[in-house]
Amino acid sequence: MNDIIAVCPGSFDPVTVGHLDIIKRAAGMFSEVVVVVMQNRAKSPSFTVEERKEMLKAVTSDLPNVRVASFDGLLATYTKQIGAGAIVKGLRAMSDFEYEFQMALTNKKLNPNTETVFLTTRAENMYLSSSMVKQIGSMGGDISDFVPKSILDKVAKRLQSKSNT
């Protein structure tokens, strides 16, 4: 295991089994993994930043080298602040790669001391996204295969209540 701090950034609205898989795999590769809830002003979240952090803490509680944080700003600024040597991003499809490659080059320009590491998703999670979970959940569909069990009830209730407003 490398003695490197890695950052797993995302909106995690909500955290999915796909996110958790990437986080667990990163935890096996790096000495410390900081899962950081980034605030994306282009999105309308279903959960507050604090709620997302609490859900992430719940699903990563068995991973001693993982901690959860939040940041409102540039990812490169955050990696500089905490001395992170790596950014870990999960890739589902080629379309993810094009966007993430552009972001990796931008982050490298802004912080040359941080490398981006891409982990490919497992085949069973290739189609999975928080947006898909929100759509299914808001229509009363079964999201139990997509969300970690420890937060399933909270996520399902919130998504169903948002559809009733």
Protein backbone atom coordinates (compact mmCIF):
# COMPACT_ATOMS: atom_id res chain seq x y z
CA MET A 1 0.00 0.00 0.00
CA ASN A 2 1.31 3.44 -0.91
CA ASP A 3 1.76 6.06 1.81
CA ILE A 4 -0.35 8.51 -0.18
CA ILE A 5 -3.51 10.42 0.68
CA ALA A 6 -6.12 9.92 -2.03
CA VAL A 7 -9.28 11.92 -2.56
CA CYS A 8 -12.50 10.38 -3.89
CA PRO A 9 -14.61 13.39 -4.91
CA GLY A 10 -18.25 13.44 -5.90
CA SER A 11 -21.68 14.79 -5.17
CA PHE A 12 -22.85 11.42 -3.73
CA ASP A 13 -26.51 12.43 -4.02
CA PRO A 14 -27.13 9.70 -2.93
CA VAL A 15 -24.17 7.37 -2.46
CA THR A 16 -24.63 4.17 -4.48
CA VAL A 17 -23.15 0.68 -4.32
CA GLY A 18 -21.01 1.73 -7.28
CA HIS A 19 -19.53 4.63 -5.31
CA LEU A 20 -18.93 2.35 -2.34
CA ASP A 21 -17.13 -0.19 -4.51
CA ILE A 22 -14.72 2.46 -5.81
CA ILE A 23 -14.13 3.81 -2.28
CA LYS A 24 -13.38 0.32 -0.92
CA ARG A 25 -10.97 -0.44 -3.75
CA ALA A 26 -9.21 2.90 -3.26
CA ALA A 27 -8.93 2.16 0.49
CA GLY A 28 -6.97 -0.96 -0.42
CA MET A 29 -4.54 1.04 -2.55
CA PHE A 30 -3.81 4.14 -0.48
CA SER A 31 -2.85 4.80 3.14
CA GLU A 32 -5.69 7.28 3.57
CA VAL A 33 -8.77 8.00 1.47
CA VAL A 34 -10.74 11.18 1.91
CA VAL A 35 -14.21 10.91 0.43
CA VAL A 36 -15.11 14.52 -0.24
CA VAL A 37 -18.61 15.72 -0.96
CA MET A 38 -18.14 18.45 -3.52
CA GLN A 39 -20.77 21.11 -3.93
CA ASN A 40 -21.88 21.25 -7.55
CA ARG A 41 -23.83 24.43 -8.19
CA ALA A 42 -25.13 23.00 -11.48
CA LYS A 43 -27.09 20.28 -9.67
CA SER A 44 -30.18 20.40 -7.46
CA PRO A 45 -29.40 17.95 -4.67
CA SER A 46 -31.97 15.74 -2.96
CA PHE A 47 -29.86 15.61 0.21
CA THR A 48 -27.97 18.34 2.04
CA VAL A 49 -24.18 18.20 2.20
CA GLU A 50 -24.39 17.19 5.87
CA GLU A 51 -26.85 14.37 5.08
CA ARG A 52 -24.58 13.08 2.32
CA LYS A 53 -21.59 13.17 4.67
CA GLU A 54 -23.54 11.24 7.33
CA MET A 55 -24.60 8.60 4.78
CA LEU A 56 -21.00 8.24 3.59
CA LYS A 57 -19.77 7.90 7.18
CA ALA A 58 -22.36 5.18 7.77
CA VAL A 59 -21.40 3.14 4.71
CA THR A 60 -17.63 3.51 5.23
CA SER A 61 -17.56 2.99 9.00
CA ASP A 62 -15.81 -0.38 8.55
CA LEU A 63 -12.94 1.20 6.58
CA PRO A 64 -10.43 2.57 9.11
CA ASN A 65 -8.38 4.53 6.58
CA VAL A 66 -11.38 6.36 5.09
CA ARG A 67 -12.65 9.69 6.30
CA VAL A 68 -15.42 11.91 4.97
CA ALA A 69 -15.27 15.65 4.34
CA SER A 70 -16.92 18.32 2.21
CA PHE A 71 -15.57 21.20 0.18
CA ASP A 72 -17.05 24.09 -1.76
CA GLY A 73 -14.47 25.12 -4.31
CA LEU A 74 -11.99 23.71 -6.78
CA LEU A 75 -10.91 20.12 -6.26
CA ALA A 76 -7.29 21.09 -7.00
CA THR A 77 -7.44 23.64 -4.18
CA TYR A 78 -8.70 20.97 -1.78
CA THR A 79 -6.01 18.47 -2.77
CA LYS A 80 -3.35 21.13 -2.15
CA GLN A 81 -4.84 21.98 1.24
CA ILE A 82 -4.72 18.40 2.53
CA GLY A 83 -1.56 17.29 0.71
CA ALA A 84 -3.29 14.63 -1.37
CA GLY A 85 -1.15 12.82 -3.92
CA ALA A 86 -4.02 11.23 -5.85
CA ILE A 87 -7.56 11.81 -7.02
CA VAL A 88 -9.52 8.59 -7.54
CA LYS A 89 -12.34 8.62 -10.08
CA GLY A 90 -14.60 5.77 -11.12
CA LEU A 91 -15.33 5.27 -14.82
CA ARG A 92 -18.45 3.58 -16.15
CA ALA A 93 -18.24 4.17 -19.89
CA MET A 94 -16.24 5.91 -22.58
CA SER A 95 -18.40 9.02 -22.17
CA ASP A 96 -17.25 9.24 -18.53
CA PHE A 97 -13.64 9.01 -19.66
CA GLU A 98 -13.82 11.97 -22.02
CA TYR A 99 -15.18 14.27 -19.31
CA GLU A 100 -12.95 12.87 -16.54
CA PHE A 101 -9.83 13.04 -18.74
CA GLN A 102 -10.46 16.74 -19.34
CA MET A 103 -10.95 17.26 -15.59
CA ALA A 104 -7.77 15.30 -14.81
CA LEU A 105 -5.71 17.47 -17.14
CA THR A 106 -7.21 20.62 -15.63
CA ASN A 107 -6.56 19.43 -12.07
CA LYS A 108 -2.97 18.50 -13.03
CA LYS A 109 -2.42 22.00 -14.40
CA LEU A 110 -3.84 23.57 -11.22
CA ASN A 111 -1.99 21.19 -8.86
CA PRO A 112 0.96 19.40 -10.49
CA ASN A 113 1.57 17.37 -7.30
CA THR A 114 -1.65 15.35 -7.60
CA GLU A 115 -2.22 12.49 -10.05
CA THR A 116 -5.63 11.27 -11.16
CA VAL A 117 -6.19 7.52 -10.94
CA PHE A 118 -9.08 5.98 -12.86
CA LEU A 119 -10.76 2.82 -11.59
CA THR A 120 -13.14 1.07 -13.92
CA THR A 121 -16.48 0.11 -12.49
CA ARG A 122 -17.48 -3.47 -12.04
CA ALA A 123 -19.69 -4.75 -14.86
CA GLU A 124 -22.75 -4.99 -12.59
CA ASN A 125 -22.51 -1.24 -11.85
CA MET A 126 -21.85 0.08 -15.36
CA TYR A 127 -25.31 1.60 -15.75
CA LEU A 128 -25.63 2.84 -12.17
CA SER A 129 -25.70 6.55 -11.29
CA SER A 130 -27.13 8.70 -8.53
CA SER A 131 -29.41 10.28 -11.13
CA MET A 132 -30.80 6.86 -12.06
CA VAL A 133 -31.36 6.02 -8.37
CA LYS A 134 -33.17 9.33 -7.83
CA GLN A 135 -35.40 8.77 -10.85
CA ILE A 136 -36.33 5.22 -9.87
CA GLY A 137 -36.78 6.08 -6.20
CA SER A 138 -38.91 9.16 -6.87
CA MET A 139 -41.33 6.99 -8.84
CA GLY A 140 -41.62 4.43 -6.06
CA GLY A 141 -39.34 1.88 -7.71
CA ASP A 142 -37.18 -0.60 -5.84
CA ILE A 143 -33.68 0.85 -5.30
CA SER A 144 -32.47 -1.88 -2.92
CA ASP A 145 -29.91 -3.23 -5.42
CA PHE A 146 -28.44 0.23 -6.00
CA VAL A 147 -27.99 1.76 -2.54
CA PRO A 148 -26.06 0.34 0.44
CA LYS A 149 -28.45 -1.43 2.83
CA SER A 150 -27.50 0.73 5.83
CA ILE A 151 -28.93 3.87 4.17
CA LEU A 152 -31.65 2.34 1.99
CA ASP A 153 -34.63 3.39 4.11
CA LYS A 154 -33.42 6.97 4.48
CA VAL A 155 -32.78 7.33 0.74
CA ALA A 156 -36.04 5.66 -0.32
CA LYS A 157 -38.14 7.80 2.05
CA ARG A 158 -36.51 11.04 0.91
CA LEU A 159 -36.86 10.27 -2.77
CA GLN A 160 -40.50 9.23 -2.39
CA SER A 161 -41.29 12.33 -0.35
CA LYS A 162 -39.68 14.58 -2.99
CA SER A 163 -41.95 13.06 -5.62
CA ASN A 164 -45.02 13.84 -3.49
CA THR A 165 -44.25 17.57 -3.19
